[in-house]
Structures are given as structure tokens and as C-alpha cells.
Amino acid sequence: MEKEKALGILSLIAISTLIVISFLIKSPFFQQNGDIYRMLFFHVPLAWIAYLAFFIVMISSIFYLKKEDRKYDNYAAASAEIGVIFAALTLITGSIWARAEWGVWWRWDPRLTTTLVTWIIYVAYLTLRGSLSEERKARLSAVYGIIAFISVPISYLSITISLHPQPITGGGGISSTIANGLIVGVIAYTILYTYILRIRKNTFESHDEVQMIEKNRRRTNTE
């Protein structure tokens, strides 16, 4: 648990640094209403880490099907939970942005819609896991986790036909100051993601151990 403790402290420092930076950075060249551009430092990293989390779900699912090692299923489950939370926060912060920029909380824009669909798909993934027996859960969830990732590149590429601002790598025209702030945000949330992933994975492993002990106890009693 020492690594988890160190990651937890590092996460706290990184997120605190991001919050301070979000208030300190000023960008008169960034054409937004008031200080709404500060939402960038949270909204963009949240979206990127949500995509990362869903990518890890896919990779872990592939490894589980190849090796049938329970730890990969635990990684997939933990990463899916985090991805759903981060995607939800992406939608919430995006709605706040939309209210300031477009005057409405929601618009059925391609980028917003595909992000919502991706979120629903992974909520369904977690629902599927909760509805299956232990014997079937890992394999069926792995297959679903691989197929579900198709929604992620569709969501990302939808920006080309969207009113949503272009990403920093896509000619969005933002200043280097804003770009540096976004990099800090991505680093901070990546550390936080890694910390939560390890904690949740350990929790699932502990649950598996308890179930194994209970199964062995019942087997002994029947004998």
C-alpha cells in the first residue's frame, strides 16, 4: 500500500497545482465569455482521461481473453468505473461551457451526442457486469469491453463536423500558456486516474479472495 499512499499524496499535490494554475493563467487572446476559458483546464483533461480509461478497458479485456488471468478483468472493471465518472464530469463541465458560449445547457451537437452515447455504452458495461454470474461475468464483459471501444474514436473524430472547439492538436488557435495549463491538467488527472485504478483493482482482488475463502469453506462443510 506504500505505492498507493505515495500516489495519493502526489495526486493531491497535482490537482491542487492545477486548481492554482487555473486561477493564475490569464489569456486575453482566448476569445471566450469572461473567465469561462478556465473551464478548459478541467474539461479537456477529464475527456482525455475518460478516453484513456476506456482504452485500458479494451486492452485489459484483450489480455483477459488471451491469458484468462483474473487481474486483467479487475483492471478492466476498475478502469470502466473511473472512465464513466470522468466521462460524466466531462459532460457536466461541457454543459457549463455550452451555457456560457451557446446560451443553452445542451445541444445535440455531434461531439456532445457521441460523448453521451459513449458514456451510456460504458454505463451499460458496468450494468452488464452487475447482472452476470461470477462464472460468466469476466469473459462476456471482456468481449463487450473490446467492442465498446469503437465508440471512443467515433466520439473523438466527430469534432470534425461539430461546433465544439477544435482540440489543441487540431489547429484550435489557443495560446501556449493555455496549452501548458492543459498539459498540467492532463498530468494531474493521469496521476489521479492511476491512483484510483490501483485502489479499485486492489478492492476487486480482495473481493475475489473473500469469495474464494467462502467457496472453500462451503466445500469443506459439504464434505
Protein backbone atom coordinates (compact mmCIF):
# COMPACT_ATOMS: atom_id res chain seq x y z
CA MET A 1 0.00 0.00 0.00
CA GLU A 2 3.01 2.31 0.12
CA LYS A 3 2.77 2.95 -3.62
CA GLU A 4 -0.92 3.78 -3.31
CA LYS A 5 -0.19 6.16 -0.44
CA ALA A 6 2.54 7.90 -2.43
CA LEU A 7 0.24 8.16 -5.48
CA GLY A 8 -2.50 9.59 -3.29
CA ILE A 9 -0.23 12.33 -1.96
CA LEU A 10 1.09 13.05 -5.45
CA SER A 11 -2.48 13.24 -6.77
CA LEU A 12 -3.42 15.76 -4.11
CA ILE A 13 -0.40 17.91 -4.95
CA ALA A 14 -1.04 17.67 -8.71
CA ILE A 15 -4.75 18.56 -8.50
CA SER A 16 -4.02 21.40 -6.08
CA THR A 17 -1.42 22.74 -8.51
CA LEU A 18 -3.93 22.54 -11.35
CA ILE A 19 -6.52 24.49 -9.36
CA VAL A 20 -4.00 27.24 -8.56
CA ILE A 21 -2.89 27.40 -12.21
CA SER A 22 -6.50 27.64 -13.40
CA PHE A 23 -6.87 30.88 -11.43
CA LEU A 24 -3.46 32.33 -12.24
CA ILE A 25 -3.34 31.85 -16.01
CA LYS A 26 -4.73 34.75 -18.00
CA SER A 27 -5.25 34.66 -21.73
CA PRO A 28 -6.58 37.89 -23.26
CA PHE A 29 -6.10 36.30 -26.70
CA PHE A 30 -8.52 33.47 -25.95
CA GLN A 31 -11.90 34.62 -27.19
CA GLN A 32 -14.39 33.37 -24.63
CA ASN A 33 -17.07 34.94 -22.47
CA GLY A 34 -15.43 36.17 -19.29
CA ASP A 35 -13.41 33.58 -17.43
CA ILE A 36 -15.15 30.56 -18.92
CA TYR A 37 -11.89 29.58 -20.64
CA ARG A 38 -10.65 28.45 -17.21
CA MET A 39 -13.03 25.50 -17.54
CA LEU A 40 -10.61 24.22 -20.21
CA PHE A 41 -8.11 23.16 -17.56
CA PHE A 42 -10.63 20.67 -16.17
CA HIS A 43 -12.91 19.80 -19.10
CA VAL A 44 -10.21 18.82 -21.62
CA PRO A 45 -8.11 16.65 -19.24
CA LEU A 46 -11.26 14.95 -17.96
CA ALA A 47 -12.20 13.99 -21.52
CA TRP A 48 -8.72 12.71 -22.36
CA ILE A 49 -8.51 10.58 -19.22
CA ALA A 50 -12.00 9.19 -19.85
CA TYR A 51 -10.76 8.05 -23.28
CA LEU A 52 -7.61 6.62 -21.65
CA ALA A 53 -9.70 4.71 -19.12
CA PHE A 54 -11.84 3.16 -21.85
CA PHE A 55 -8.70 2.27 -23.80
CA ILE A 56 -7.38 0.44 -20.74
CA VAL A 57 -10.70 -1.41 -20.52
CA MET A 58 -10.18 -2.67 -24.07
CA ILE A 59 -6.52 -3.63 -23.54
CA SER A 60 -7.27 -5.38 -20.24
CA SER A 61 -10.17 -7.24 -21.87
CA ILE A 62 -7.91 -8.46 -24.67
CA PHE A 63 -5.34 -9.69 -22.16
CA TYR A 64 -8.02 -11.45 -20.13
CA LEU A 65 -9.30 -13.36 -23.17
CA LYS A 66 -5.73 -14.37 -24.05
CA LYS A 67 -4.50 -15.34 -20.57
CA GLU A 68 -7.68 -15.76 -18.52
CA ASP A 69 -5.94 -14.06 -15.62
CA ARG A 70 -8.47 -12.53 -13.23
CA LYS A 71 -6.28 -9.48 -12.57
CA TYR A 72 -6.92 -8.20 -16.11
CA ASP A 73 -10.67 -8.43 -15.56
CA ASN A 74 -10.22 -6.46 -12.34
CA TYR A 75 -8.24 -3.80 -14.19
CA ALA A 76 -10.98 -3.58 -16.83
CA ALA A 77 -13.73 -3.23 -14.24
CA ALA A 78 -11.82 -0.61 -12.25
CA SER A 79 -10.91 1.41 -15.34
CA ALA A 80 -14.50 1.32 -16.61
CA GLU A 81 -15.78 2.73 -13.33
CA ILE A 82 -13.28 5.59 -13.47
CA GLY A 83 -13.98 6.22 -17.14
CA VAL A 84 -17.71 6.51 -16.52
CA ILE A 85 -17.15 9.03 -13.72
CA PHE A 86 -14.69 11.07 -15.77
CA ALA A 87 -16.96 10.99 -18.83
CA ALA A 88 -19.88 12.16 -16.69
CA LEU A 89 -17.76 15.05 -15.38
CA THR A 90 -16.77 15.82 -18.98
CA LEU A 91 -20.44 16.12 -19.93
CA ILE A 92 -21.18 18.29 -16.89
CA THR A 93 -18.29 20.70 -17.46
CA GLY A 94 -19.10 20.72 -21.17
CA SER A 95 -22.67 21.74 -20.38
CA ILE A 96 -21.41 24.62 -18.24
CA TRP A 97 -19.21 25.69 -21.15
CA ALA A 98 -22.14 25.40 -23.58
CA ARG A 99 -24.33 27.57 -21.36
CA ALA A 100 -21.74 30.36 -21.42
CA GLU A 101 -20.85 30.01 -25.11
CA TRP A 102 -24.09 28.96 -26.80
CA GLY A 103 -26.67 30.16 -24.29
CA VAL A 104 -28.05 26.63 -23.72
CA TRP A 105 -27.04 23.80 -21.40
CA TRP A 106 -27.22 21.16 -24.12
CA ARG A 107 -27.22 20.99 -27.89
CA TRP A 108 -27.47 17.82 -29.96
CA ASP A 109 -24.10 18.58 -31.48
CA PRO A 110 -22.20 15.56 -32.93
CA ARG A 111 -19.39 15.79 -30.36
CA LEU A 112 -21.73 16.14 -27.38
CA THR A 113 -24.06 13.44 -28.64
CA THR A 114 -21.34 10.87 -29.35
CA THR A 115 -19.75 11.57 -25.95
CA LEU A 116 -23.11 10.96 -24.29
CA VAL A 117 -23.54 7.73 -26.26
CA THR A 118 -20.07 6.57 -25.21
CA TRP A 119 -20.94 7.26 -21.58
CA ILE A 120 -24.18 5.28 -21.91
CA ILE A 121 -22.33 2.36 -23.53
CA TYR A 122 -19.93 2.08 -20.60
CA VAL A 123 -22.69 2.53 -18.03
CA ALA A 124 -24.27 -0.47 -19.78
CA TYR A 125 -20.91 -2.29 -19.46
CA LEU A 126 -20.99 -1.83 -15.68
CA THR A 127 -24.66 -2.83 -15.58
CA LEU A 128 -23.82 -5.99 -17.53
CA ARG A 129 -21.10 -6.88 -15.05
CA GLY A 130 -23.51 -6.49 -12.18
CA SER A 131 -26.14 -8.70 -13.76
CA LEU A 132 -23.97 -11.71 -14.66
CA SER A 133 -22.87 -14.62 -12.52
CA GLU A 134 -19.23 -14.82 -11.48
CA GLU A 135 -18.65 -17.71 -13.88
CA ARG A 136 -19.78 -15.73 -16.95
CA LYS A 137 -19.03 -12.16 -15.96
CA ALA A 138 -15.35 -11.89 -16.84
CA ARG A 139 -15.49 -13.39 -20.35
CA LEU A 140 -18.69 -11.72 -21.52
CA SER A 141 -17.59 -8.38 -20.07
CA ALA A 142 -14.26 -8.70 -21.87
CA VAL A 143 -15.99 -9.20 -25.22
CA TYR A 144 -18.26 -6.23 -24.53
CA GLY A 145 -15.31 -4.10 -23.38
CA ILE A 146 -13.48 -4.68 -26.67
CA ILE A 147 -16.47 -3.92 -28.88
CA ALA A 148 -17.50 -0.89 -26.81
CA PHE A 149 -14.22 0.90 -27.55
CA ILE A 150 -15.40 1.50 -31.12
CA SER A 151 -17.44 4.39 -29.69
CA VAL A 152 -14.32 6.21 -28.47
CA PRO A 153 -12.65 7.04 -31.83
CA ILE A 154 -16.09 7.85 -33.24
CA SER A 155 -16.59 10.34 -30.41
CA TYR A 156 -13.14 11.85 -30.89
CA LEU A 157 -13.40 12.17 -34.68
CA SER A 158 -16.89 13.65 -34.50
CA ILE A 159 -15.26 17.00 -33.69
CA THR A 160 -14.56 17.47 -37.41
CA ILE A 161 -18.28 18.02 -38.03
CA SER A 162 -19.03 19.66 -34.69
CA LEU A 163 -19.49 23.20 -33.40
CA HIS A 164 -17.34 22.13 -30.46
CA PRO A 165 -13.99 24.00 -30.27
CA GLN A 166 -11.14 22.19 -32.02
CA PRO A 167 -8.59 20.29 -29.89
CA ILE A 168 -5.18 21.83 -29.21
CA THR A 169 -3.62 19.46 -31.73
CA GLY A 170 -6.19 20.35 -34.35
CA GLY A 171 -5.47 23.98 -35.01
CA GLY A 172 -7.61 25.35 -32.21
CA GLY A 173 -5.52 28.51 -32.18
CA ILE A 174 -5.04 28.74 -28.42
CA SER A 175 -2.03 30.32 -26.74
CA SER A 176 0.98 28.39 -25.48
CA THR A 177 0.03 29.50 -21.95
CA ILE A 178 -3.31 27.74 -22.22
CA ALA A 179 -1.65 24.70 -23.83
CA ASN A 180 0.82 24.44 -20.95
CA GLY A 181 -2.04 24.65 -18.47
CA LEU A 182 -3.81 21.82 -20.29
CA ILE A 183 -0.67 19.70 -20.13
CA VAL A 184 -0.54 20.21 -16.36
CA GLY A 185 -4.20 19.20 -16.22
CA VAL A 186 -3.64 16.02 -18.20
CA ILE A 187 -0.67 15.07 -15.99
CA ALA A 188 -2.64 15.79 -12.80
CA TYR A 189 -5.64 13.74 -13.85
CA THR A 190 -3.43 10.90 -15.14
CA ILE A 191 -1.86 10.62 -11.69
CA LEU A 192 -5.31 10.70 -10.09
CA TYR A 193 -6.55 8.05 -12.53
CA THR A 194 -3.59 5.78 -11.76
CA TYR A 195 -4.16 6.18 -8.03
CA ILE A 196 -7.88 5.34 -8.19
CA LEU A 197 -7.22 2.47 -10.61
CA ARG A 198 -4.81 0.79 -8.20
CA ILE A 199 -7.16 1.29 -5.26
CA ARG A 200 -10.16 -0.16 -7.08
CA LYS A 201 -8.15 -3.03 -8.56
CA ASN A 202 -6.93 -3.96 -5.06
CA THR A 203 -10.51 -3.78 -3.81
CA PHE A 204 -11.67 -6.21 -6.50
CA GLU A 205 -8.80 -8.56 -5.69
CA SER A 206 -9.74 -8.51 -2.01
CA HIS A 207 -13.33 -9.31 -3.00
CA ASP A 208 -12.11 -12.26 -5.09
CA GLU A 209 -10.07 -13.57 -2.16
CA VAL A 210 -13.05 -13.35 0.19
CA GLN A 211 -15.21 -15.21 -2.33
CA MET A 212 -12.56 -17.90 -2.71
CA ILE A 213 -12.35 -18.37 1.05
CA GLU A 214 -16.14 -18.56 1.29
CA LYS A 215 -16.29 -21.08 -1.56
CA ASN A 216 -13.64 -23.28 0.09
CA ARG A 217 -15.46 -23.05 3.41
CA ARG A 218 -18.74 -24.21 1.86
CA ARG A 219 -16.93 -27.03 0.08
CA THR A 220 -15.37 -28.17 3.35
CA ASN A 221 -18.72 -28.09 5.12
CA THR A 222 -20.38 -30.22 2.45
CA GLU A 223 -17.61 -32.81 2.70
